[in-house]
Amino acid sequence: MTDREHIAGSSHPLPPSAISRRTVLQLAGGSASFAVIPGVSAQPAPAPGDPGKVLQRVRLIVNGEARELELDPRQSLLDLLRETLDLTGTKKGCNQGACGACTVLLNGRRVVSCLTLAAMHDGAEIVTIEGLAEGEELHPLQSAFIEHEGLQCGFCTPGQIMSGVACIAEGHAGSPEEIQFWMSGNICRCGAYPGIVAAMAEAAGAG
């Protein structure tokens, strides 16, 4: 009969001197795994990939197409666009609302989609960079960005253009200084600001 059998309740236990430290530690670990809190029944562990999320049904019009989705109410509009709808033109930069790379139009107004909960905008109309062109014809601001080289690496460009479209529609593109002020929430780490301002001025008819 083993030490484990003796300590577990044999009618002929070994004297304390015959019990090793290793045996005590092994049994203590084993006993802990069978501990039961009185009045609480054991519950099976949740299956992997099933965290018990409550989904919310949301209807959106994205780039002119009606979409009905079931989503986690905590999901950002940015993650919905990129991960669910595969519209990866909208970029995830800082994910804190500070760089503007994720700017899209929400009911005609520019928003940073990383800080916008998709579930809060049931019935809203969303326009992303993929929805600006008319078939093969680029939006005037897209063409102006190309002409004035308003980009280098291009990572911030979708957010710059979406913010620029809204900025022009808001009437905030009357001068280079006004453009710089109202576009200050969009950061270009390459420093292509002169081209961005020139492109917006041309598209707005201000230059």
N, C-alpha and C. Protein backbone atom coordinates (compact mmCIF):
# COMPACT_ATOMS: atom_id res chain seq x y z
N MET A 1 0.85 -1.18 0.00
CA MET A 1 0.00 0.00 0.00
C MET A 1 0.89 1.24 0.00
N THR A 2 0.56 2.22 -0.81
CA THR A 2 1.39 3.40 -0.97
C THR A 2 1.10 4.44 0.10
N ASP A 3 2.03 5.40 0.22
CA ASP A 3 1.82 6.52 1.14
C ASP A 3 0.51 7.24 0.83
N ARG A 4 0.21 7.44 -0.45
CA ARG A 4 -1.02 8.15 -0.84
C ARG A 4 -2.25 7.43 -0.32
N GLU A 5 -2.26 6.09 -0.41
CA GLU A 5 -3.41 5.32 0.06
C GLU A 5 -3.56 5.44 1.57
N HIS A 6 -2.47 5.47 2.28
CA HIS A 6 -2.55 5.60 3.74
C HIS A 6 -3.13 6.95 4.13
N ILE A 7 -2.64 8.00 3.55
CA ILE A 7 -3.10 9.33 3.94
C ILE A 7 -4.53 9.56 3.49
N ALA A 8 -4.94 8.90 2.40
CA ALA A 8 -6.30 9.07 1.91
C ALA A 8 -7.33 8.37 2.75
N GLY A 9 -6.95 7.61 3.78
CA GLY A 9 -7.97 7.03 4.64
C GLY A 9 -7.85 5.56 4.88
N SER A 10 -6.69 4.96 4.70
CA SER A 10 -6.51 3.53 4.98
C SER A 10 -6.67 3.28 6.47
N SER A 11 -7.11 2.09 6.80
CA SER A 11 -7.26 1.73 8.22
C SER A 11 -5.93 1.44 8.88
N HIS A 12 -4.83 1.44 8.07
CA HIS A 12 -3.50 1.18 8.63
C HIS A 12 -2.54 2.28 8.18
N PRO A 13 -2.72 3.49 8.67
CA PRO A 13 -1.87 4.59 8.23
C PRO A 13 -0.44 4.41 8.66
N LEU A 14 0.45 5.00 7.89
CA LEU A 14 1.86 5.00 8.25
C LEU A 14 2.11 6.01 9.34
N PRO A 15 3.13 5.78 10.14
CA PRO A 15 3.50 6.79 11.14
C PRO A 15 3.96 8.06 10.44
N PRO A 16 3.83 9.23 11.10
CA PRO A 16 4.22 10.50 10.47
C PRO A 16 5.61 10.49 9.91
N SER A 17 6.55 9.78 10.55
CA SER A 17 7.92 9.79 10.08
C SER A 17 8.08 9.14 8.72
N ALA A 18 7.08 8.33 8.29
CA ALA A 18 7.17 7.63 7.01
C ALA A 18 6.59 8.43 5.86
N ILE A 19 6.01 9.58 6.17
CA ILE A 19 5.36 10.39 5.14
C ILE A 19 6.36 11.42 4.62
N SER A 20 6.57 11.40 3.34
CA SER A 20 7.54 12.34 2.76
C SER A 20 6.90 13.70 2.51
N ARG A 21 7.73 14.74 2.44
CA ARG A 21 7.26 16.11 2.15
C ARG A 21 6.65 16.16 0.75
N ARG A 22 7.25 15.42 -0.17
CA ARG A 22 6.73 15.41 -1.53
C ARG A 22 5.33 14.84 -1.58
N THR A 23 5.08 13.79 -0.80
CA THR A 23 3.76 13.18 -0.78
C THR A 23 2.71 14.15 -0.27
N VAL A 24 3.05 14.88 0.80
CA VAL A 24 2.10 15.84 1.36
C VAL A 24 1.74 16.91 0.34
N LEU A 25 2.74 17.43 -0.37
CA LEU A 25 2.49 18.47 -1.35
C LEU A 25 1.64 17.95 -2.50
N GLN A 26 1.90 16.72 -2.94
CA GLN A 26 1.12 16.14 -4.03
C GLN A 26 -0.34 15.99 -3.63
N LEU A 27 -0.54 15.51 -2.40
CA LEU A 27 -1.91 15.29 -1.93
C LEU A 27 -2.63 16.60 -1.70
N ALA A 28 -1.92 17.60 -1.21
CA ALA A 28 -2.55 18.90 -0.99
C ALA A 28 -3.04 19.48 -2.31
N GLY A 29 -2.22 19.35 -3.35
CA GLY A 29 -2.62 19.84 -4.66
C GLY A 29 -3.81 19.09 -5.20
N GLY A 30 -3.80 17.77 -5.02
CA GLY A 30 -4.92 16.96 -5.50
C GLY A 30 -6.19 17.25 -4.76
N SER A 31 -6.09 17.46 -3.45
CA SER A 31 -7.29 17.73 -2.65
C SER A 31 -7.91 19.05 -3.04
N ALA A 32 -7.06 20.05 -3.35
CA ALA A 32 -7.58 21.37 -3.70
C ALA A 32 -8.43 21.32 -4.95
N SER A 33 -8.07 20.43 -5.86
CA SER A 33 -8.81 20.37 -7.11
C SER A 33 -10.20 19.80 -6.92
N PHE A 34 -10.45 19.13 -5.77
CA PHE A 34 -11.76 18.55 -5.51
C PHE A 34 -12.55 19.35 -4.50
N ALA A 35 -12.01 20.50 -4.09
CA ALA A 35 -12.70 21.30 -3.08
C ALA A 35 -14.03 21.80 -3.63
N VAL A 36 -15.08 21.76 -2.83
CA VAL A 36 -16.41 22.20 -3.23
C VAL A 36 -16.93 23.20 -2.21
N ILE A 37 -17.44 24.33 -2.68
CA ILE A 37 -18.03 25.31 -1.78
C ILE A 37 -19.44 24.85 -1.46
N PRO A 38 -19.81 24.78 -0.17
CA PRO A 38 -21.15 24.31 0.19
C PRO A 38 -22.24 25.15 -0.47
N GLY A 39 -23.24 24.47 -1.02
CA GLY A 39 -24.38 25.15 -1.62
C GLY A 39 -24.15 25.63 -3.04
N VAL A 40 -22.95 25.43 -3.58
CA VAL A 40 -22.65 25.87 -4.94
C VAL A 40 -22.29 24.66 -5.78
N SER A 41 -23.06 24.41 -6.82
CA SER A 41 -22.79 23.26 -7.68
C SER A 41 -21.76 23.63 -8.72
N ALA A 42 -20.97 22.66 -9.13
CA ALA A 42 -19.94 22.91 -10.13
C ALA A 42 -20.59 23.15 -11.49
N GLN A 43 -20.02 24.11 -12.24
CA GLN A 43 -20.53 24.42 -13.57
C GLN A 43 -19.46 24.10 -14.60
N PRO A 44 -19.86 23.58 -15.75
CA PRO A 44 -18.86 23.29 -16.78
C PRO A 44 -18.24 24.57 -17.30
N ALA A 45 -16.97 24.49 -17.68
CA ALA A 45 -16.29 25.66 -18.24
C ALA A 45 -16.88 25.99 -19.59
N PRO A 46 -16.96 27.30 -19.93
CA PRO A 46 -17.50 27.66 -21.24
C PRO A 46 -16.63 27.13 -22.37
N ALA A 47 -17.27 26.77 -23.45
CA ALA A 47 -16.54 26.23 -24.59
C ALA A 47 -15.64 27.30 -25.18
N PRO A 48 -14.45 26.92 -25.69
CA PRO A 48 -13.56 27.90 -26.33
C PRO A 48 -14.27 28.63 -27.45
N GLY A 49 -14.08 29.97 -27.52
CA GLY A 49 -14.70 30.77 -28.57
C GLY A 49 -16.14 31.09 -28.31
N ASP A 50 -16.67 30.76 -27.13
CA ASP A 50 -18.06 31.06 -26.80
C ASP A 50 -18.10 31.83 -25.49
N PRO A 51 -17.76 33.12 -25.51
CA PRO A 51 -17.70 33.91 -24.27
C PRO A 51 -19.06 34.34 -23.77
N GLY A 52 -20.15 33.92 -24.42
CA GLY A 52 -21.48 34.28 -23.95
C GLY A 52 -21.84 35.71 -24.26
N LYS A 53 -21.36 36.25 -25.37
CA LYS A 53 -21.67 37.62 -25.74
C LYS A 53 -23.12 37.76 -26.15
N VAL A 54 -23.70 38.91 -25.83
CA VAL A 54 -25.04 39.24 -26.28
C VAL A 54 -24.90 40.10 -27.52
N LEU A 55 -25.42 39.65 -28.64
CA LEU A 55 -25.30 40.38 -29.89
C LEU A 55 -26.47 41.32 -30.09
N GLN A 56 -26.24 42.37 -30.83
CA GLN A 56 -27.26 43.37 -31.11
C GLN A 56 -27.42 43.52 -32.61
N ARG A 57 -28.66 43.56 -33.05
CA ARG A 57 -28.94 43.70 -34.48
C ARG A 57 -28.91 45.18 -34.85
N VAL A 58 -28.12 45.50 -35.87
CA VAL A 58 -27.96 46.89 -36.30
C VAL A 58 -28.09 46.96 -37.82
N ARG A 59 -28.81 47.96 -38.27
CA ARG A 59 -28.96 48.19 -39.72
C ARG A 59 -28.19 49.45 -40.09
N LEU A 60 -27.36 49.34 -41.10
CA LEU A 60 -26.56 50.46 -41.58
C LEU A 60 -26.61 50.53 -43.09
N ILE A 61 -26.41 51.72 -43.62
CA ILE A 61 -26.22 51.88 -45.06
C ILE A 61 -24.75 52.24 -45.24
N VAL A 62 -23.98 51.34 -45.80
CA VAL A 62 -22.54 51.53 -45.94
C VAL A 62 -22.20 51.67 -47.41
N ASN A 63 -21.71 52.85 -47.76
CA ASN A 63 -21.37 53.15 -49.16
C ASN A 63 -22.54 52.85 -50.10
N GLY A 64 -23.73 53.21 -49.63
CA GLY A 64 -24.94 53.06 -50.45
C GLY A 64 -25.58 51.70 -50.38
N GLU A 65 -24.99 50.76 -49.67
CA GLU A 65 -25.53 49.39 -49.59
C GLU A 65 -26.11 49.14 -48.21
N ALA A 66 -27.36 48.69 -48.17
CA ALA A 66 -28.01 48.39 -46.89
C ALA A 66 -27.40 47.12 -46.31
N ARG A 67 -27.02 47.18 -45.04
CA ARG A 67 -26.45 46.03 -44.35
C ARG A 67 -27.18 45.84 -43.03
N GLU A 68 -27.53 44.57 -42.74
CA GLU A 68 -28.13 44.23 -41.46
C GLU A 68 -27.17 43.26 -40.76
N LEU A 69 -26.73 43.64 -39.57
CA LEU A 69 -25.65 42.91 -38.91
C LEU A 69 -26.00 42.60 -37.47
N GLU A 70 -25.46 41.49 -36.98
CA GLU A 70 -25.52 41.19 -35.56
C GLU A 70 -24.11 41.37 -35.02
N LEU A 71 -23.97 42.28 -34.07
CA LEU A 71 -22.62 42.60 -33.60
C LEU A 71 -22.58 42.78 -32.09
N ASP A 72 -21.39 42.67 -31.58
CA ASP A 72 -21.13 42.93 -30.17
C ASP A 72 -21.35 44.43 -29.94
N PRO A 73 -22.20 44.81 -28.98
CA PRO A 73 -22.45 46.24 -28.75
C PRO A 73 -21.23 47.04 -28.36
N ARG A 74 -20.13 46.34 -28.02
CA ARG A 74 -18.89 47.03 -27.67
C ARG A 74 -17.99 47.25 -28.88
N GLN A 75 -18.39 46.78 -30.05
CA GLN A 75 -17.53 46.85 -31.23
C GLN A 75 -17.50 48.26 -31.82
N SER A 76 -16.32 48.73 -32.11
CA SER A 76 -16.20 50.06 -32.70
C SER A 76 -16.61 50.01 -34.17
N LEU A 77 -16.99 51.17 -34.68
CA LEU A 77 -17.33 51.26 -36.10
C LEU A 77 -16.11 50.90 -36.95
N LEU A 78 -14.93 51.28 -36.50
CA LEU A 78 -13.70 50.95 -37.23
C LEU A 78 -13.52 49.45 -37.37
N ASP A 79 -13.66 48.72 -36.27
CA ASP A 79 -13.48 47.26 -36.33
C ASP A 79 -14.59 46.60 -37.14
N LEU A 80 -15.79 47.15 -37.08
CA LEU A 80 -16.87 46.61 -37.90
C LEU A 80 -16.53 46.76 -39.39
N LEU A 81 -16.06 47.93 -39.77
CA LEU A 81 -15.74 48.17 -41.17
C LEU A 81 -14.59 47.27 -41.64
N ARG A 82 -13.55 47.18 -40.85
CA ARG A 82 -12.35 46.46 -41.27
C ARG A 82 -12.51 44.95 -41.14
N GLU A 83 -13.01 44.49 -40.00
CA GLU A 83 -12.99 43.06 -39.69
C GLU A 83 -14.25 42.33 -40.14
N THR A 84 -15.39 43.02 -40.13
CA THR A 84 -16.64 42.36 -40.51
C THR A 84 -16.98 42.60 -41.98
N LEU A 85 -16.83 43.84 -42.43
CA LEU A 85 -17.22 44.19 -43.80
C LEU A 85 -16.05 44.20 -44.76
N ASP A 86 -14.84 43.98 -44.26
CA ASP A 86 -13.64 43.89 -45.09
C ASP A 86 -13.39 45.18 -45.89
N LEU A 87 -13.75 46.31 -45.30
CA LEU A 87 -13.47 47.61 -45.90
C LEU A 87 -12.22 48.16 -45.23
N THR A 88 -11.08 47.71 -45.71
CA THR A 88 -9.82 47.98 -45.01
C THR A 88 -9.16 49.29 -45.45
N GLY A 89 -9.84 50.06 -46.31
CA GLY A 89 -9.29 51.36 -46.67
C GLY A 89 -9.22 52.29 -45.47
N THR A 90 -10.17 52.17 -44.58
CA THR A 90 -10.14 52.94 -43.33
C THR A 90 -9.08 52.34 -42.43
N LYS A 91 -8.12 53.16 -42.01
CA LYS A 91 -6.95 52.65 -41.31
C LYS A 91 -7.06 52.77 -39.80
N LYS A 92 -6.47 51.80 -39.12
CA LYS A 92 -6.36 51.84 -37.66
C LYS A 92 -4.98 52.39 -37.32
N GLY A 93 -4.95 53.62 -36.85
CA GLY A 93 -3.69 54.25 -36.50
C GLY A 93 -3.44 54.16 -35.01
N CYS A 94 -3.80 55.21 -34.28
CA CYS A 94 -3.55 55.23 -32.83
C CYS A 94 -4.61 54.46 -32.06
N ASN A 95 -5.81 54.29 -32.64
CA ASN A 95 -6.95 53.64 -31.98
C ASN A 95 -7.35 54.39 -30.71
N GLN A 96 -7.05 55.68 -30.65
CA GLN A 96 -7.39 56.51 -29.50
C GLN A 96 -8.05 57.83 -29.92
N GLY A 97 -8.37 57.97 -31.20
CA GLY A 97 -9.03 59.18 -31.66
C GLY A 97 -8.12 60.37 -31.83
N ALA A 98 -6.80 60.15 -31.88
CA ALA A 98 -5.87 61.27 -31.90
C ALA A 98 -5.25 61.55 -33.26
N CYS A 99 -5.25 60.55 -34.18
CA CYS A 99 -4.51 60.73 -35.43
C CYS A 99 -5.39 60.99 -36.64
N GLY A 100 -6.65 60.59 -36.60
CA GLY A 100 -7.57 60.84 -37.70
C GLY A 100 -7.50 59.86 -38.85
N ALA A 101 -6.63 58.84 -38.76
CA ALA A 101 -6.49 57.90 -39.88
C ALA A 101 -7.75 57.10 -40.14
N CYS A 102 -8.61 56.99 -39.14
CA CYS A 102 -9.83 56.18 -39.27
C CYS A 102 -11.08 57.00 -39.59
N THR A 103 -10.90 58.24 -40.01
CA THR A 103 -12.05 59.13 -40.25
C THR A 103 -12.95 58.59 -41.36
N VAL A 104 -14.25 58.57 -41.08
CA VAL A 104 -15.27 58.24 -42.07
C VAL A 104 -16.40 59.26 -41.93
N LEU A 105 -17.34 59.21 -42.85
CA LEU A 105 -18.51 60.08 -42.78
C LEU A 105 -19.67 59.31 -42.18
N LEU A 106 -20.26 59.87 -41.14
CA LEU A 106 -21.42 59.29 -40.47
C LEU A 106 -22.57 60.27 -40.61
N ASN A 107 -23.54 59.90 -41.45
CA ASN A 107 -24.65 60.82 -41.76
C ASN A 107 -24.12 62.17 -42.23
N GLY A 108 -23.06 62.11 -43.05
CA GLY A 108 -22.51 63.31 -43.65
C GLY A 108 -21.50 64.06 -42.81
N ARG A 109 -21.30 63.63 -41.58
CA ARG A 109 -20.36 64.31 -40.70
C ARG A 109 -19.15 63.43 -40.44
N ARG A 110 -17.99 64.04 -40.34
CA ARG A 110 -16.77 63.27 -40.13
C ARG A 110 -16.66 62.84 -38.66
N VAL A 111 -16.30 61.59 -38.47
CA VAL A 111 -16.08 61.04 -37.13
C VAL A 111 -14.84 60.16 -37.16
N VAL A 112 -14.20 60.04 -36.00
CA VAL A 112 -13.12 59.05 -35.89
C VAL A 112 -13.79 57.73 -35.51
N SER A 113 -13.72 56.77 -36.40
CA SER A 113 -14.50 55.55 -36.23
C SER A 113 -13.98 54.66 -35.11
N CYS A 114 -12.72 54.87 -34.68
CA CYS A 114 -12.20 54.03 -33.60
C CYS A 114 -12.88 54.32 -32.27
N LEU A 115 -13.44 55.52 -32.12
CA LEU A 115 -14.12 55.90 -30.87
C LEU A 115 -15.63 55.90 -31.00
N THR A 116 -16.13 55.38 -32.12
CA THR A 116 -17.56 55.38 -32.40
C THR A 116 -18.09 53.96 -32.28
N LEU A 117 -19.03 53.74 -31.37
CA LEU A 117 -19.62 52.41 -31.22
C LEU A 117 -20.66 52.20 -32.33
N ALA A 118 -20.47 51.15 -33.10
CA ALA A 118 -21.36 50.89 -34.23
C ALA A 118 -22.80 50.70 -33.79
N ALA A 119 -23.00 50.06 -32.65
CA ALA A 119 -24.35 49.74 -32.19
C ALA A 119 -25.17 50.97 -31.84
N MET A 120 -24.52 52.10 -31.64
CA MET A 120 -25.22 53.32 -31.27
C MET A 120 -25.79 54.07 -32.48
N HIS A 121 -25.55 53.53 -33.68
CA HIS A 121 -25.93 54.27 -34.89
C HIS A 121 -26.79 53.43 -35.82
N ASP A 122 -27.74 52.76 -35.25
CA ASP A 122 -28.69 51.97 -36.04
C ASP A 122 -29.39 52.88 -37.05
N GLY A 123 -29.39 52.46 -38.31
CA GLY A 123 -30.05 53.24 -39.37
C GLY A 123 -29.19 54.32 -39.98
N ALA A 124 -27.94 54.46 -39.53
CA ALA A 124 -27.08 55.52 -40.02
C ALA A 124 -26.52 55.21 -41.40
N GLU A 125 -26.09 56.27 -42.08
CA GLU A 125 -25.43 56.12 -43.38
C GLU A 125 -23.95 56.37 -43.20
N ILE A 126 -23.15 55.41 -43.62
CA ILE A 126 -21.70 55.48 -43.47
C ILE A 126 -21.07 55.55 -44.85
N VAL A 127 -20.11 56.46 -45.01
CA VAL A 127 -19.33 56.51 -46.25
C VAL A 127 -17.87 56.38 -45.88
N THR A 128 -17.19 55.44 -46.52
CA THR A 128 -15.76 55.24 -46.32
C THR A 128 -15.03 55.64 -47.60
N ILE A 129 -13.71 55.55 -47.57
CA ILE A 129 -12.92 55.92 -48.75
C ILE A 129 -13.30 55.08 -49.97
N GLU A 130 -13.75 53.85 -49.75
CA GLU A 130 -14.15 52.97 -50.86
C GLU A 130 -15.42 53.47 -51.54
N GLY A 131 -16.19 54.32 -50.85
CA GLY A 131 -17.46 54.76 -51.39
C GLY A 131 -17.44 56.13 -52.05
N LEU A 132 -16.26 56.76 -52.17
CA LEU A 132 -16.20 58.11 -52.73
C LEU A 132 -16.25 58.13 -54.26
N ALA A 133 -15.53 57.23 -54.88
CA ALA A 133 -15.46 57.25 -56.35
C ALA A 133 -16.79 56.81 -56.96
N GLU A 134 -17.04 57.32 -58.17
CA GLU A 134 -18.21 56.90 -58.95
C GLU A 134 -17.72 55.94 -60.03
N GLY A 135 -17.74 54.66 -59.70
CA GLY A 135 -17.19 53.69 -60.63
C GLY A 135 -15.69 53.90 -60.78
N GLU A 136 -15.23 54.17 -62.01
CA GLU A 136 -13.82 54.40 -62.28
C GLU A 136 -13.44 55.87 -62.11
N GLU A 137 -14.42 56.73 -61.89
CA GLU A 137 -14.16 58.17 -61.77
C GLU A 137 -13.91 58.54 -60.32
N LEU A 138 -12.72 59.05 -60.04
CA LEU A 138 -12.36 59.42 -58.69
C LEU A 138 -13.11 60.66 -58.23
N HIS A 139 -13.28 60.76 -56.93
CA HIS A 139 -13.82 61.99 -56.34
C HIS A 139 -12.84 63.12 -56.65
N PRO A 140 -13.31 64.36 -56.84
CA PRO A 140 -12.40 65.47 -57.13
C PRO A 140 -11.27 65.63 -56.12
N LEU A 141 -11.54 65.36 -54.85
CA LEU A 141 -10.47 65.50 -53.86
C LEU A 141 -9.45 64.37 -54.00
N GLN A 142 -9.89 63.19 -54.37
CA GLN A 142 -8.94 62.10 -54.62
C GLN A 142 -8.02 62.46 -55.79
N SER A 143 -8.58 62.99 -56.85
CA SER A 143 -7.77 63.39 -58.00
C SER A 143 -6.81 64.51 -57.63
N ALA A 144 -7.26 65.44 -56.80
CA ALA A 144 -6.41 66.56 -56.40
C ALA A 144 -5.25 66.09 -55.53
N PHE A 145 -5.49 65.09 -54.68
CA PHE A 145 -4.41 64.53 -53.86
C PHE A 145 -3.32 63.94 -54.75
N ILE A 146 -3.72 63.28 -55.82
CA ILE A 146 -2.75 62.70 -56.74
C ILE A 146 -1.98 63.81 -57.46
N GLU A 147 -2.70 64.81 -57.95
CA GLU A 147 -2.06 65.89 -58.71
C GLU A 147 -1.07 66.67 -57.87
N HIS A 148 -1.43 66.93 -56.60
CA HIS A 148 -0.59 67.76 -55.74
C HIS A 148 0.32 66.94 -54.82
N GLU A 149 0.37 65.65 -55.05
CA GLU A 149 1.21 64.76 -54.24
C GLU A 149 0.96 64.99 -52.74
N GLY A 150 -0.30 64.88 -52.38
CA GLY A 150 -0.67 65.09 -50.99
C GLY A 150 -0.50 63.85 -50.13
N LEU A 151 0.49 63.03 -50.45
CA LEU A 151 0.73 61.80 -49.69
C LEU A 151 2.14 61.33 -49.94
N GLN A 152 2.64 60.57 -49.00
CA GLN A 152 3.91 59.86 -49.19
C GLN A 152 3.68 58.37 -48.92
N CYS A 153 3.68 57.96 -47.66
CA CYS A 153 3.45 56.54 -47.39
C CYS A 153 2.01 56.14 -47.66
N GLY A 154 1.07 57.09 -47.53
CA GLY A 154 -0.33 56.82 -47.86
C GLY A 154 -1.17 56.29 -46.73
N PHE A 155 -0.57 56.01 -45.58
CA PHE A 155 -1.35 55.39 -44.50
C PHE A 155 -2.44 56.33 -44.00
N CYS A 156 -2.14 57.61 -43.87
CA CYS A 156 -3.12 58.55 -43.35
C CYS A 156 -4.08 59.06 -44.41
N THR A 157 -3.78 58.77 -45.68
CA THR A 157 -4.49 59.40 -46.80
C THR A 157 -6.00 59.16 -46.79
N PRO A 158 -6.51 57.95 -46.55
CA PRO A 158 -7.96 57.78 -46.52
C PRO A 158 -8.64 58.68 -45.50
N GLY A 159 -8.06 58.76 -44.30
CA GLY A 159 -8.64 59.63 -43.29
C GLY A 159 -8.52 61.10 -43.65
N GLN A 160 -7.38 61.49 -44.27
CA GLN A 160 -7.20 62.87 -44.72
C GLN A 160 -8.28 63.23 -45.75
N ILE A 161 -8.49 62.35 -46.70
CA ILE A 161 -9.46 62.64 -47.76
C ILE A 161 -10.88 62.68 -47.22
N MET A 162 -11.24 61.72 -46.37
CA MET A 162 -12.60 61.73 -45.82
C MET A 162 -12.84 62.97 -44.97
N SER A 163 -11.85 63.34 -44.17
CA SER A 163 -11.98 64.55 -43.37
C SER A 163 -12.02 65.78 -44.27
N GLY A 164 -11.21 65.76 -45.35
CA GLY A 164 -11.19 66.88 -46.29
C GLY A 164 -12.51 67.08 -47.00
N VAL A 165 -13.15 65.98 -47.40
CA VAL A 165 -14.47 66.06 -48.05
C VAL A 165 -15.46 66.75 -47.12
N ALA A 166 -15.45 66.35 -45.85
CA ALA A 166 -16.37 66.96 -44.89
C ALA A 166 -16.00 68.41 -44.62
N CYS A 167 -14.72 68.68 -44.53
CA CYS A 167 -14.24 70.03 -44.26
C CYS A 167 -14.70 71.00 -45.35
N ILE A 168 -14.61 70.57 -46.60
CA ILE A 168 -15.08 71.40 -47.71
C ILE A 168 -16.58 71.59 -47.64
N ALA A 169 -17.32 70.51 -47.34
CA ALA A 169 -18.77 70.60 -47.24
C ALA A 169 -19.21 71.51 -46.09
N GLU A 170 -18.40 71.57 -45.06
CA GLU A 170 -18.70 72.44 -43.91
C GLU A 170 -18.43 73.91 -44.21
N GLY A 171 -17.76 74.18 -45.32
CA GLY A 171 -17.41 75.56 -45.66
C GLY A 171 -16.17 76.05 -44.95
N HIS A 172 -15.28 75.11 -44.59
CA HIS A 172 -14.08 75.46 -43.83
C HIS A 172 -12.82 75.32 -44.67
N ALA A 173 -12.93 75.61 -45.96
CA ALA A 173 -11.77 75.48 -46.84
C ALA A 173 -11.59 76.75 -47.67
N GLY A 174 -11.83 77.89 -47.06
CA GLY A 174 -11.77 79.16 -47.79
C GLY A 174 -10.38 79.70 -47.97
N SER A 175 -9.41 79.21 -47.21
CA SER A 175 -8.04 79.69 -47.32
C SER A 175 -7.11 78.61 -46.80
N PRO A 176 -5.82 78.66 -47.16
CA PRO A 176 -4.87 77.68 -46.62
C PRO A 176 -4.86 77.65 -45.09
N GLU A 177 -4.95 78.83 -44.49
CA GLU A 177 -4.93 78.90 -43.02
C GLU A 177 -6.17 78.23 -42.43
N GLU A 178 -7.31 78.45 -43.05
CA GLU A 178 -8.54 77.83 -42.57
C GLU A 178 -8.49 76.31 -42.74
N ILE A 179 -7.96 75.87 -43.85
CA ILE A 179 -7.82 74.43 -44.09
C ILE A 179 -6.91 73.81 -43.02
N GLN A 180 -5.79 74.45 -42.77
CA GLN A 180 -4.85 73.93 -41.77
C GLN A 180 -5.52 73.82 -40.40
N PHE A 181 -6.33 74.81 -40.04
CA PHE A 181 -6.98 74.80 -38.73
C PHE A 181 -8.01 73.68 -38.63
N TRP A 182 -8.85 73.58 -39.63
CA TRP A 182 -9.95 72.61 -39.55
C TRP A 182 -9.53 71.19 -39.89
N MET A 183 -8.31 71.03 -40.40
CA MET A 183 -7.78 69.69 -40.67
C MET A 183 -6.73 69.28 -39.63
N SER A 184 -6.61 70.04 -38.57
CA SER A 184 -5.55 69.79 -37.59
C SER A 184 -5.72 68.46 -36.85
N GLY A 185 -6.90 67.86 -36.90
CA GLY A 185 -7.11 66.57 -36.24
C GLY A 185 -6.59 65.39 -37.04
N ASN A 186 -6.13 65.65 -38.25
CA ASN A 186 -5.59 64.58 -39.10
C ASN A 186 -4.08 64.75 -39.21
N ILE A 187 -3.35 63.76 -38.72
CA ILE A 187 -1.90 63.85 -38.65
C ILE A 187 -1.26 63.08 -39.80
N CYS A 188 -0.29 63.72 -40.45
CA CYS A 188 0.51 63.07 -41.49
C CYS A 188 1.94 62.97 -40.97
N ARG A 189 2.39 61.79 -40.65
CA ARG A 189 3.73 61.63 -40.09
C ARG A 189 4.82 61.85 -41.15
N CYS A 190 4.44 61.79 -42.42
CA CYS A 190 5.41 62.05 -43.48
C CYS A 190 5.60 63.55 -43.71
N GLY A 191 4.67 64.37 -43.23
CA GLY A 191 4.77 65.81 -43.41
C GLY A 191 4.35 66.30 -44.77
N ALA A 192 3.34 65.65 -45.38
CA ALA A 192 2.89 66.04 -46.72
C ALA A 192 1.82 67.14 -46.67
N TYR A 193 1.87 67.96 -45.64
CA TYR A 193 0.82 68.97 -45.44
C TYR A 193 0.70 69.98 -46.58
N PRO A 194 1.80 70.48 -47.17
CA PRO A 194 1.62 71.44 -48.27
C PRO A 194 0.79 70.86 -49.42
N GLY A 195 1.05 69.60 -49.78
CA GLY A 195 0.27 68.98 -50.84
C GLY A 195 -1.18 68.75 -50.45
N ILE A 196 -1.40 68.40 -49.19
CA ILE A 196 -2.77 68.19 -48.71
C ILE A 196 -3.56 69.48 -48.78
N VAL A 197 -2.97 70.56 -48.31
CA VAL A 197 -3.64 71.86 -48.32
C VAL A 197 -3.91 72.31 -49.75
N ALA A 198 -2.92 72.13 -50.63
CA ALA A 198 -3.09 72.53 -52.03
C ALA A 198 -4.20 71.72 -52.69
N ALA A 199 -4.26 70.42 -52.40
CA ALA A 199 -5.29 69.57 -52.98
C ALA A 199 -6.68 70.00 -52.51
N MET A 200 -6.79 70.30 -51.24
CA MET A 200 -8.09 70.72 -50.72
C MET A 200 -8.51 72.07 -51.27
N ALA A 201 -7.54 72.97 -51.38
CA ALA A 201 -7.86 74.29 -51.93
C ALA A 201 -8.36 74.18 -53.37
N GLU A 202 -7.72 73.30 -54.14
CA GLU A 202 -8.17 73.13 -55.53
C GLU A 202 -9.57 72.51 -55.58
N ALA A 203 -9.78 71.45 -54.77
CA ALA A 203 -11.07 70.78 -54.79
C ALA A 203 -12.19 71.69 -54.31
N ALA A 204 -11.87 72.60 -53.43
CA ALA A 204 -12.88 73.51 -52.90
C ALA A 204 -13.05 74.74 -53.78
N GLY A 205 -12.18 74.91 -54.78
CA GLY A 205 -12.24 76.09 -55.62
C GLY A 205 -11.71 77.31 -54.91
N ALA A 206 -10.88 77.06 -53.87
CA ALA A 206 -10.40 78.18 -53.07
C ALA A 206 -9.02 78.65 -53.51
N GLY A 207 -8.36 77.91 -54.38
CA GLY A 207 -7.01 78.29 -54.76
C GLY A 207 -6.90 78.52 -56.21
